[in-house]
Amino acid sequence: MDTRVALISIIVEQDDAIEELNTLLHEARQYIIGRMGIPYRAKGISIISIAIDAPQDKISALSGKIGRLKGVSAKTAYSNVITPAEGGAGD
C-alpha cells in the first residue's frame, strides 16, 4: 500500500487523556518518524507534533482516534510526498 508523509498536530487540554494518547501512539510506532512534545505549563496544555509516514487510511484512523479523546484536539496536514508500495505500478 502506498504511504504518505503527514504531520499530526495535537493539543492536550486534559491530563486524563495522556495515557490513552500514548497508547495510540505506541500502537502506531512503526509509522512514526518523529515526535516533539512541548509542555506549555503557563496555559496548562501540552502541544505535540507527530511526523508520520504511513498508508493514508492508517493516518486518518490514528488522527480520528486521537481527535475523539476527551480534552484533545488534533489536525492533520498531508504532504504531496507519496511512496508507492513495493511491487506497485512504479516498480
Foldseek 3Di string as FASTA:
>chain_A
DKKFKKKKKKKAQDPVCVVVLVVLCVVQVVFWPDKDWDQPVVNRMIIMMTIGIGHPVSVVVSQVVQCPGPRMHMDMDTDPDMGDDVVDPVD
